[in-house]
C-alpha atoms as a PDB file:
ATOM      1  CA  MET A   1      62.144 -18.649 -54.715  1.00  0.00           C
ATOM      2  CA  PRO A   2      63.587 -17.235 -51.399  1.00  0.00           C
ATOM      3  CA  ASP A   3      60.491 -15.112 -50.894  1.00  0.00           C
ATOM      4  CA  SER A   4      58.397 -18.288 -50.680  1.00  0.00           C
ATOM      5  CA  ARG A   5      60.056 -19.192 -47.361  1.00  0.00           C
ATOM      6  CA  VAL A   6      58.412 -17.543 -44.363  1.00  0.00           C
ATOM      7  CA  PRO A   7      60.357 -17.293 -41.098  1.00  0.00           C
ATOM      8  CA  ARG A   8      58.657 -17.923 -37.785  1.00  0.00           C
ATOM      9  CA  PRO A   9      59.886 -15.889 -34.799  1.00  0.00           C
ATOM     10  CA  ARG A  10      61.471 -18.184 -32.223  1.00  0.00           C
ATOM     11  CA  ARG A  11      62.402 -17.967 -28.589  1.00  0.00           C
ATOM     12  CA  PHE A  12      65.843 -19.329 -27.763  1.00  0.00           C
ATOM     13  CA  LEU A  13      67.589 -20.079 -24.481  1.00  0.00           C
ATOM     14  CA  LEU A  14      71.383 -19.803 -24.369  1.00  0.00           C
ATOM     15  CA  CYS A  15      74.100 -19.832 -21.707  1.00  0.00           C
ATOM     16  CA  GLU A  16      77.118 -17.537 -21.745  1.00  0.00           C
ATOM     17  CA  PRO A  17      80.410 -19.492 -22.118  1.00  0.00           C
ATOM     18  CA  ARG A  18      81.973 -17.864 -19.065  1.00  0.00           C
ATOM     19  CA  HIS A  19      83.284 -21.212 -17.805  1.00  0.00           C
ATOM     20  CA  PHE A  20      83.587 -23.030 -21.138  1.00  0.00           C
ATOM     21  CA  ALA A  21      86.641 -25.275 -21.382  1.00  0.00           C
ATOM     22  CA  VAL A  22      87.647 -28.746 -22.502  1.00  0.00           C
ATOM     23  CA  SER A  23      88.609 -30.223 -19.152  1.00  0.00           C
ATOM     24  CA  TYR A  24      87.575 -33.840 -19.822  1.00  0.00           C
ATOM     25  CA  SER A  25      86.821 -35.992 -22.868  1.00  0.00           C
ATOM     26  CA  ILE A  26      83.416 -37.595 -23.489  1.00  0.00           C
ATOM     27  CA  ASN A  27      83.382 -37.564 -27.310  1.00  0.00           C
ATOM     28  CA  PRO A  28      86.011 -37.912 -30.058  1.00  0.00           C
ATOM     29  CA  TRP A  29      86.260 -34.152 -30.569  1.00  0.00           C
ATOM     30  CA  MET A  30      87.323 -33.330 -27.020  1.00  0.00           C
ATOM     31  CA  ARG A  31      91.074 -33.106 -26.439  1.00  0.00           C
ATOM     32  CA  THR A  32      92.336 -31.569 -23.244  1.00  0.00           C
ATOM     33  CA  ASP A  33      95.565 -30.572 -25.002  1.00  0.00           C
ATOM     34  CA  ARG A  34      93.648 -28.091 -27.184  1.00  0.00           C
ATOM     35  CA  PRO A  35      92.862 -25.199 -24.869  1.00  0.00           C
ATOM     36  CA  VAL A  36      89.843 -23.005 -25.441  1.00  0.00           C
ATOM     37  CA  ASP A  37      90.385 -19.308 -26.122  1.00  0.00           C
ATOM     38  CA  PRO A  38      87.821 -17.839 -23.699  1.00  0.00           C
ATOM     39  CA  VAL A  39      87.788 -14.369 -25.266  1.00  0.00           C
ATOM     40  CA  ARG A  40      87.233 -15.760 -28.752  1.00  0.00           C
ATOM     41  CA  ALA A  41      84.557 -18.151 -27.460  1.00  0.00           C
ATOM     42  CA  LEU A  42      82.648 -15.294 -25.838  1.00  0.00           C
ATOM     43  CA  ASP A  43      82.915 -13.153 -28.984  1.00  0.00           C
ATOM     44  CA  GLN A  44      81.616 -15.999 -31.150  1.00  0.00           C
ATOM     45  CA  TRP A  45      78.776 -16.748 -28.763  1.00  0.00           C
ATOM     46  CA  GLN A  46      77.777 -13.062 -28.668  1.00  0.00           C
ATOM     47  CA  ALA A  47      77.790 -13.008 -32.465  1.00  0.00           C
ATOM     48  CA  LEU A  48      75.280 -15.867 -32.431  1.00  0.00           C
ATOM     49  CA  VAL A  49      73.048 -14.015 -29.966  1.00  0.00           C
ATOM     50  CA  ASP A  50      73.283 -10.877 -32.120  1.00  0.00           C
ATOM     51  CA  ALA A  51      72.450 -12.830 -35.292  1.00  0.00           C
ATOM     52  CA  TYR A  52      69.328 -14.320 -33.722  1.00  0.00           C
ATOM     53  CA  ARG A  53      68.119 -10.942 -32.489  1.00  0.00           C
ATOM     54  CA  ALA A  54      68.890  -9.269 -35.819  1.00  0.00           C
ATOM     55  CA  HIS A  55      66.554 -11.763 -37.496  1.00  0.00           C
ATOM     56  CA  GLY A  56      63.669 -11.110 -35.100  1.00  0.00           C
ATOM     57  CA  HIS A  57      64.159 -13.874 -32.540  1.00  0.00           C
ATOM     58  CA  THR A  58      63.980 -13.607 -28.757  1.00  0.00           C
ATOM     59  CA  VAL A  59      67.044 -14.717 -26.799  1.00  0.00           C
ATOM     60  CA  ASP A  60      66.908 -15.526 -23.105  1.00  0.00           C
ATOM     61  CA  THR A  61      69.883 -16.665 -21.058  1.00  0.00           C
ATOM     62  CA  VAL A  62      70.432 -18.917 -18.073  1.00  0.00           C
ATOM     63  CA  PRO A  63      73.333 -17.889 -15.791  1.00  0.00           C
ATOM     64  CA  PRO A  64      76.438 -20.072 -16.184  1.00  0.00           C
ATOM     65  CA  VAL A  65      77.645 -22.097 -13.209  1.00  0.00           C
ATOM     66  CA  ALA A  66      81.320 -22.465 -12.306  1.00  0.00           C
ATOM     67  CA  GLY A  67      82.581 -26.014 -12.656  1.00  0.00           C
ATOM     68  CA  LEU A  68      80.157 -26.853 -15.479  1.00  0.00           C
ATOM     69  CA  PRO A  69      82.209 -26.138 -18.631  1.00  0.00           C
ATOM     70  CA  ASP A  70      79.689 -27.724 -21.016  1.00  0.00           C
ATOM     71  CA  MET A  71      76.694 -25.819 -19.679  1.00  0.00           C
ATOM     72  CA  VAL A  72      77.066 -23.521 -22.707  1.00  0.00           C
ATOM     73  CA  PHE A  73      75.537 -26.345 -24.762  1.00  0.00           C
ATOM     74  CA  ALA A  74      72.003 -25.398 -23.801  1.00  0.00           C
ATOM     75  CA  ALA A  75      70.297 -27.737 -26.264  1.00  0.00           C
ATOM     76  CA  ASN A  76      71.335 -30.776 -24.245  1.00  0.00           C
ATOM     77  CA  ALA A  77      69.617 -29.698 -21.028  1.00  0.00           C
ATOM     78  CA  ALA A  78      65.959 -30.183 -22.017  1.00  0.00           C
ATOM     79  CA  VAL A  79      63.412 -30.294 -24.798  1.00  0.00           C
ATOM     80  CA  THR A  80      60.212 -28.272 -24.706  1.00  0.00           C
ATOM     81  CA  VAL A  81      56.894 -28.894 -26.450  1.00  0.00           C
ATOM     82  CA  ALA A  82      53.694 -26.877 -25.901  1.00  0.00           C
ATOM     83  CA  GLY A  83      54.530 -25.658 -22.401  1.00  0.00           C
ATOM     84  CA  ARG A  84      56.009 -28.923 -21.181  1.00  0.00           C
ATOM     85  CA  ALA A  85      59.689 -29.628 -20.653  1.00  0.00           C
ATOM     86  CA  LEU A  86      61.467 -32.963 -20.508  1.00  0.00           C
ATOM     87  CA  GLY A  87      64.715 -32.448 -18.652  1.00  0.00           C
ATOM     88  CA  SER A  88      67.984 -34.288 -19.066  1.00  0.00           C
ATOM     89  CA  LEU A  89      69.772 -37.165 -17.444  1.00  0.00           C
ATOM     90  CA  PHE A  90      73.216 -36.955 -18.980  1.00  0.00           C
ATOM     91  CA  LYS A  91      75.185 -40.091 -19.721  1.00  0.00           C
ATOM     92  CA  ALA A  92      78.437 -38.522 -18.480  1.00  0.00           C
ATOM     93  CA  PRO A  93      78.501 -37.909 -14.704  1.00  0.00           C
ATOM     94  CA  GLU A  94      80.460 -34.692 -15.326  1.00  0.00           C
ATOM     95  CA  ARG A  95      77.450 -33.152 -17.057  1.00  0.00           C
ATOM     96  CA  ARG A  96      74.600 -34.308 -14.827  1.00  0.00           C
ATOM     97  CA  PRO A  97      74.563 -31.199 -12.603  1.00  0.00           C
ATOM     98  CA  GLU A  98      73.843 -29.035 -15.671  1.00  0.00           C
ATOM     99  CA  SER A  99      70.207 -30.109 -15.740  1.00  0.00           C
ATOM    100  CA  LEU A 100      69.318 -28.412 -12.441  1.00  0.00           C
ATOM    101  CA  PRO A 101      69.797 -24.721 -13.364  1.00  0.00           C
ATOM    102  CA  TYR A 102      67.939 -25.255 -16.624  1.00  0.00           C
ATOM    103  CA  GLU A 103      65.140 -27.044 -14.793  1.00  0.00           C
ATOM    104  CA  ALA A 104      64.881 -24.118 -12.367  1.00  0.00           C
ATOM    105  CA  TRP A 105      64.720 -21.631 -15.248  1.00  0.00           C
ATOM    106  CA  LEU A 106      61.996 -23.586 -17.020  1.00  0.00           C
ATOM    107  CA  LYS A 107      59.915 -23.953 -13.851  1.00  0.00           C
ATOM    108  CA  ALA A 108      60.212 -20.208 -13.218  1.00  0.00           C
ATOM    109  CA  GLU A 109      58.860 -19.664 -16.743  1.00  0.00           C
ATOM    110  CA  GLY A 110      55.818 -21.795 -15.955  1.00  0.00           C
ATOM    111  CA  PHE A 111      56.801 -25.028 -17.682  1.00  0.00           C
ATOM    112  CA  GLU A 112      55.714 -28.399 -16.401  1.00  0.00           C
ATOM    113  CA  VAL A 113      59.062 -30.159 -16.042  1.00  0.00           C
ATOM    114  CA  HIS A 114      59.557 -33.908 -16.035  1.00  0.00           C
ATOM    115  CA  ARG A 115      62.864 -35.434 -14.953  1.00  0.00           C
ATOM    116  CA  PRO A 116      63.628 -38.453 -17.129  1.00  0.00           C
ATOM    117  CA  GLU A 117      64.353 -41.812 -15.560  1.00  0.00           C
ATOM    118  CA  ALA A 118      66.412 -42.995 -18.540  1.00  0.00           C
ATOM    119  CA  VAL A 119      69.530 -41.379 -20.013  1.00  0.00           C
ATOM    120  CA  CYS A 120      68.259 -38.487 -22.108  1.00  0.00           C
ATOM    121  CA  GLU A 121      70.160 -35.499 -23.499  1.00  0.00           C
ATOM    122  CA  GLY A 122      67.477 -33.003 -24.428  1.00  0.00           C
ATOM    123  CA  GLU A 123      67.380 -31.484 -27.883  1.00  0.00           C
ATOM    124  CA  GLY A 124      70.702 -33.124 -28.575  1.00  0.00           C
ATOM    125  CA  ASP A 125      68.734 -36.272 -29.386  1.00  0.00           C
ATOM    126  CA  LEU A 126      65.049 -35.238 -29.273  1.00  0.00           C
ATOM    127  CA  VAL A 127      64.160 -33.004 -32.200  1.00  0.00           C
ATOM    128  CA  PRO A 128      60.565 -31.730 -32.461  1.00  0.00           C
ATOM    129  CA  ALA A 129      59.548 -31.842 -36.111  1.00  0.00           C
ATOM    130  CA  GLY A 130      55.948 -30.738 -36.418  1.00  0.00           C
ATOM    131  CA  ARG A 131      53.588 -33.679 -35.939  1.00  0.00           C
ATOM    132  CA  TRP A 132      56.259 -35.930 -34.392  1.00  0.00           C
ATOM    133  CA  ILE A 133      59.558 -35.927 -32.523  1.00  0.00           C
ATOM    134  CA  LEU A 134      62.627 -37.386 -34.186  1.00  0.00           C
ATOM    135  CA  ALA A 135      64.709 -39.169 -31.568  1.00  0.00           C
ATOM    136  CA  GLY A 136      68.314 -40.299 -31.771  1.00  0.00           C
ATOM    137  CA  THR A 137      69.971 -43.173 -29.966  1.00  0.00           C
ATOM    138  CA  GLY A 138      73.195 -45.133 -30.243  1.00  0.00           C
ATOM    139  CA  PHE A 139      75.682 -43.089 -28.218  1.00  0.00           C
ATOM    140  CA  ARG A 140      73.884 -40.991 -25.573  1.00  0.00           C
ATOM    141  CA  THR A 141      70.084 -40.983 -25.212  1.00  0.00           C
ATOM    142  CA  VAL A 142      68.678 -44.497 -24.777  1.00  0.00           C
ATOM    143  CA  PRO A 143      65.490 -45.900 -26.382  1.00  0.00           C
ATOM    144  CA  ALA A 144      63.687 -45.953 -23.034  1.00  0.00           C
ATOM    145  CA  ALA A 145      63.901 -42.150 -23.011  1.00  0.00           C
ATOM    146  CA  HIS A 146      62.134 -42.081 -26.373  1.00  0.00           C
ATOM    147  CA  ARG A 147      59.230 -43.923 -24.763  1.00  0.00           C
ATOM    148  CA  GLU A 148      59.273 -41.495 -21.819  1.00  0.00           C
ATOM    149  CA  ALA A 149      59.121 -38.550 -24.204  1.00  0.00           C
ATOM    150  CA  GLN A 150      56.157 -39.984 -26.058  1.00  0.00           C
ATOM    151  CA  GLU A 151      54.249 -40.643 -22.843  1.00  0.00           C
ATOM    152  CA  PHE A 152      55.035 -37.211 -21.419  1.00  0.00           C
ATOM    153  CA  PHE A 153      54.363 -35.113 -24.510  1.00  0.00           C
ATOM    154  CA  GLY A 154      51.690 -37.279 -26.114  1.00  0.00           C
ATOM    155  CA  VAL A 155      53.460 -36.815 -29.438  1.00  0.00           C
ATOM    156  CA  PRO A 156      54.583 -39.685 -31.687  1.00  0.00           C
ATOM    157  CA  VAL A 157      58.309 -40.331 -31.326  1.00  0.00           C
ATOM    158  CA  ILE A 158      60.298 -41.820 -34.186  1.00  0.00           C
ATOM    159  CA  SER A 159      63.491 -43.584 -33.102  1.00  0.00           C
ATOM    160  CA  LEU A 160      66.597 -43.259 -35.273  1.00  0.00           C
ATOM    161  CA  THR A 161      69.886 -45.065 -34.671  1.00  0.00           C
ATOM    162  CA  LEU A 162      73.162 -43.155 -34.996  1.00  0.00           C
ATOM    163  CA  VAL A 163      76.274 -45.101 -36.030  1.00  0.00           C
ATOM    164  CA  ASP A 164      79.125 -42.564 -36.324  1.00  0.00           C
ATOM    165  CA  PRO A 165      80.848 -41.692 -33.008  1.00  0.00           C
ATOM    166  CA  TYR A 166      81.799 -38.250 -34.364  1.00  0.00           C
ATOM    167  CA  LEU A 167      78.085 -37.595 -34.941  1.00  0.00           C
ATOM    168  CA  TYR A 168      77.062 -38.747 -31.512  1.00  0.00           C
ATOM    169  CA  HIS A 169      73.905 -36.634 -31.076  1.00  0.00           C
ATOM    170  CA  LEU A 170      71.026 -36.405 -33.518  1.00  0.00           C
ATOM    171  CA  ASP A 171      71.534 -32.649 -33.743  1.00  0.00           C
ATOM    172  CA  THR A 172      74.977 -33.188 -35.263  1.00  0.00           C
ATOM    173  CA  ALA A 173      73.494 -35.336 -38.039  1.00  0.00           C
ATOM    174  CA  LEU A 174      70.112 -33.701 -38.769  1.00  0.00           C
ATOM    175  CA  PHE A 175      68.238 -30.453 -38.356  1.00  0.00           C
ATOM    176  CA  VAL A 176      64.702 -29.351 -39.080  1.00  0.00           C
ATOM    177  CA  LEU A 177      64.331 -26.857 -41.906  1.00  0.00           C
ATOM    178  CA  ASP A 178      60.598 -26.335 -41.510  1.00  0.00           C
ATOM    179  CA  ASP A 179      58.674 -27.717 -38.533  1.00  0.00           C
ATOM    180  CA  ALA A 180      55.179 -27.212 -39.905  1.00  0.00           C
ATOM    181  CA  ASP A 181      53.204 -30.379 -40.621  1.00  0.00           C
ATOM    182  CA  GLY A 182      54.706 -31.869 -43.746  1.00  0.00           C
ATOM    183  CA  GLY A 183      57.920 -29.922 -43.128  1.00  0.00           C
ATOM    184  CA  ASN A 184      61.406 -30.852 -44.167  1.00  0.00           C
ATOM    185  CA  VAL A 185      64.855 -31.636 -42.780  1.00  0.00           C
ATOM    186  CA  ALA A 186      68.501 -31.749 -43.772  1.00  0.00           C
ATOM    187  CA  TYR A 187      70.522 -34.776 -42.728  1.00  0.00           C
ATOM    188  CA  CYS A 188      73.570 -36.919 -43.378  1.00  0.00           C
ATOM    189  CA  PRO A 189      72.564 -40.452 -44.440  1.00  0.00           C
ATOM    190  CA  ASP A 190      75.973 -41.849 -43.440  1.00  0.00           C
ATOM    191  CA  ALA A 191      75.259 -40.988 -39.803  1.00  0.00           C
ATOM    192  CA  PHE A 192      72.379 -43.469 -39.534  1.00  0.00           C
ATOM    193  CA  SER A 193      71.805 -47.204 -39.537  1.00  0.00           C
ATOM    194  CA  PRO A 194      70.372 -48.691 -42.766  1.00  0.00           C
ATOM    195  CA  GLY A 195      66.881 -48.979 -41.305  1.00  0.00           C
ATOM    196  CA  SER A 196      66.927 -45.422 -40.009  1.00  0.00           C
ATOM    197  CA  ARG A 197      68.037 -44.169 -43.417  1.00  0.00           C
ATOM    198  CA  GLU A 198      64.999 -45.878 -44.920  1.00  0.00           C
ATOM    199  CA  VAL A 199      62.712 -44.286 -42.339  1.00  0.00           C
ATOM    200  CA  LEU A 200      64.083 -40.812 -43.070  1.00  0.00           C
ATOM    201  CA  ALA A 201      63.790 -41.358 -46.817  1.00  0.00           C
ATOM    202  CA  ARG A 202      60.114 -42.303 -46.381  1.00  0.00           C
ATOM    203  CA  LEU A 203      59.334 -39.387 -44.075  1.00  0.00           C
ATOM    204  CA  TYR A 204      61.312 -36.780 -46.010  1.00  0.00           C
ATOM    205  CA  PRO A 205      61.635 -37.703 -49.693  1.00  0.00           C
ATOM    206  CA  ASP A 206      62.638 -34.112 -50.509  1.00  0.00           C
ATOM    207  CA  ALA A 207      65.174 -33.711 -47.696  1.00  0.00           C
ATOM    208  CA  VAL A 208      68.395 -31.809 -48.216  1.00  0.00           C
ATOM    209  CA  LEU A 209      71.141 -34.409 -47.983  1.00  0.00           C
ATOM    210  CA  ALA A 210      74.577 -33.631 -46.565  1.00  0.00           C
ATOM    211  CA  THR A 211      77.876 -35.458 -46.872  1.00  0.00           C
ATOM    212  CA  ARG A 212      79.790 -36.751 -43.873  1.00  0.00           C
ATOM    213  CA  GLU A 213      82.398 -34.079 -44.552  1.00  0.00           C
ATOM    214  CA  GLU A 214      79.730 -31.389 -44.235  1.00  0.00           C
ATOM    215  CA  ALA A 215      78.424 -32.972 -41.046  1.00  0.00           C
ATOM    216  CA  LEU A 216      81.946 -33.082 -39.596  1.00  0.00           C
ATOM    217  CA  ALA A 217      82.181 -29.344 -40.318  1.00  0.00           C
ATOM    218  CA  PHE A 218      79.100 -29.031 -38.055  1.00  0.00           C
ATOM    219  CA  GLY A 219      77.001 -27.968 -41.024  1.00  0.00           C
ATOM    220  CA  LEU A 220      74.030 -29.905 -39.635  1.00  0.00           C
ATOM    221  CA  ASN A 221      74.383 -28.508 -36.125  1.00  0.00           C
ATOM    222  CA  ALA A 222      72.312 -25.647 -37.458  1.00  0.00           C
ATOM    223  CA  VAL A 223      69.149 -23.723 -36.600  1.00  0.00           C
ATOM    224  CA  SER A 224      66.427 -22.797 -39.088  1.00  0.00           C
ATOM    225  CA  ASP A 225      63.500 -20.447 -38.567  1.00  0.00           C
ATOM    226  CA  GLY A 226      61.812 -21.664 -41.748  1.00  0.00           C
ATOM    227  CA  ARG A 227      63.675 -19.190 -43.964  1.00  0.00           C
ATOM    228  CA  HIS A 228      66.999 -18.266 -42.394  1.00  0.00           C
ATOM    229  CA  VAL A 229      69.437 -21.054 -41.617  1.00  0.00           C
ATOM    230  CA  PHE A 230      72.119 -20.242 -39.067  1.00  0.00           C
ATOM    231  CA  LEU A 231      75.072 -22.505 -39.835  1.00  0.00           C
ATOM    232  CA  PRO A 232      78.889 -22.552 -39.740  1.00  0.00           C
ATOM    233  CA  PRO A 233      80.697 -20.703 -42.540  1.00  0.00           C
ATOM    234  CA  GLU A 234      82.730 -23.849 -43.281  1.00  0.00           C
ATOM    235  CA  ALA A 235      79.612 -25.569 -44.683  1.00  0.00           C
ATOM    236  CA  ARG A 236      79.718 -23.645 -47.970  1.00  0.00           C
ATOM    237  CA  ALA A 237      78.478 -26.385 -50.284  1.00  0.00           C
ATOM    238  CA  LEU A 238      75.583 -27.224 -47.960  1.00  0.00           C
ATOM    239  CA  ALA A 239      74.722 -23.530 -47.702  1.00  0.00           C
ATOM    240  CA  ALA A 240      74.637 -23.322 -51.487  1.00  0.00           C
ATOM    241  CA  ARG A 241      72.232 -26.263 -51.736  1.00  0.00           C
ATOM    242  CA  LEU A 242      70.006 -24.701 -49.081  1.00  0.00           C
ATOM    243  CA  ALA A 243      69.993 -21.433 -51.024  1.00  0.00           C
ATOM    244  CA  GLU A 244      68.913 -23.343 -54.131  1.00  0.00           C
ATOM    245  CA  ARG A 245      65.889 -24.546 -52.123  1.00  0.00           C
ATOM    246  CA  GLY A 246      64.945 -20.992 -51.175  1.00  0.00           C
ATOM    247  CA  TYR A 247      66.520 -20.793 -47.719  1.00  0.00           C
ATOM    248  CA  VAL A 248      68.781 -17.929 -46.686  1.00  0.00           C
ATOM    249  CA  PRO A 249      72.052 -19.110 -45.098  1.00  0.00           C
ATOM    250  CA  VAL A 250      73.315 -16.998 -42.198  1.00  0.00           C
ATOM    251  CA  PRO A 251      76.939 -17.972 -41.481  1.00  0.00           C
ATOM    252  CA  VAL A 252      77.976 -17.758 -37.823  1.00  0.00           C
ATOM    253  CA  ASP A 253      81.451 -18.863 -36.775  1.00  0.00           C
ATOM    254  CA  LEU A 254      81.388 -20.978 -33.610  1.00  0.00           C
ATOM    255  CA  SER A 255      84.638 -22.798 -34.345  1.00  0.00           C
ATOM    256  CA  GLU A 256      85.911 -22.438 -30.777  1.00  0.00           C
ATOM    257  CA  PHE A 257      83.062 -24.669 -29.641  1.00  0.00           C
ATOM    258  CA  HIS A 258      83.972 -27.346 -32.178  1.00  0.00           C
ATOM    259  CA  LYS A 259      86.785 -28.269 -29.786  1.00  0.00           C
ATOM    260  CA  ALA A 260      84.125 -29.751 -27.514  1.00  0.00           C
ATOM    261  CA  GLY A 261      82.052 -31.298 -30.303  1.00  0.00           C
ATOM    262  CA  GLY A 262      79.394 -28.608 -30.574  1.00  0.00           C
ATOM    263  CA  SER A 263      78.309 -25.627 -32.625  1.00  0.00           C
ATOM    264  CA  ILE A 264      75.265 -23.448 -33.251  1.00  0.00           C
ATOM    265  CA  LYS A 265      72.440 -25.835 -32.386  1.00  0.00           C
ATOM    266  CA  CYS A 266      74.271 -27.310 -29.413  1.00  0.00           C
ATOM    267  CA  CYS A 267      74.374 -23.805 -27.945  1.00  0.00           C
ATOM    268  CA  THR A 268      70.682 -23.164 -28.634  1.00  0.00           C
ATOM    269  CA  GLN A 269      67.637 -24.554 -26.874  1.00  0.00           C
ATOM    270  CA  GLU A 270      64.335 -23.576 -28.460  1.00  0.00           C
ATOM    271  CA  ILE A 271      61.604 -22.620 -26.003  1.00  0.00           C
ATOM    272  CA  ARG A 272      58.202 -23.817 -27.226  1.00  0.00           C
ATOM    273  CA  SER A 273      55.449 -22.459 -24.984  1.00  0.00           C
END
């Protein structure tokens, strides 16, 4: 069964956690009384970079900027589709300056970059899934940004409403296993409104379902290349179910970043040229 899954080489953009810290609180995970271990954070981040490269993926980096402790969460800064990039307009004022260095990097790489007019947090809430984009709302990105994304990319956007404040971005509640047309996802039904659960069940009748406990262990803040699934080691039961479906779990410990409400996917922006 595992041999039936074919990985696709990806290009990822990450940001070194040189300035990573929990210096303010904008989600339920963030507590300023739980200091970050900067050495451990850097070691964990480097292990993620090494894991991607060991599995044939390209990793680029954007230089970190002092005073932007959450810049390490590269996924939130933009979303790219076919050489176009929709930037971010963060809900929290503390994070808004993060969008500029990512925008500069993308422009230097030849991307057409659009600055959103509505609050939009990149791949945190806009998840390309083959023929459409799955789009989260409820806590950060607003529905108007979904409409902007559809107009800019010319790709159908499917809005999904998040209801759990601990799963405040779509990429904490769902990830794409295979982004080919007719692909598949893993998600936590409890993270979504009743109507959104029905939509996901219609779109993905064979989805891998996760419990809230697995989602709170950041098991869905994962990255798949179509065969290998990079996910936290704490998500053992989810990893076992993925293995039963023919995927190959690759555990990577990013527990230091859980203190800020993020993990593997939050630290990873996929570059789609």
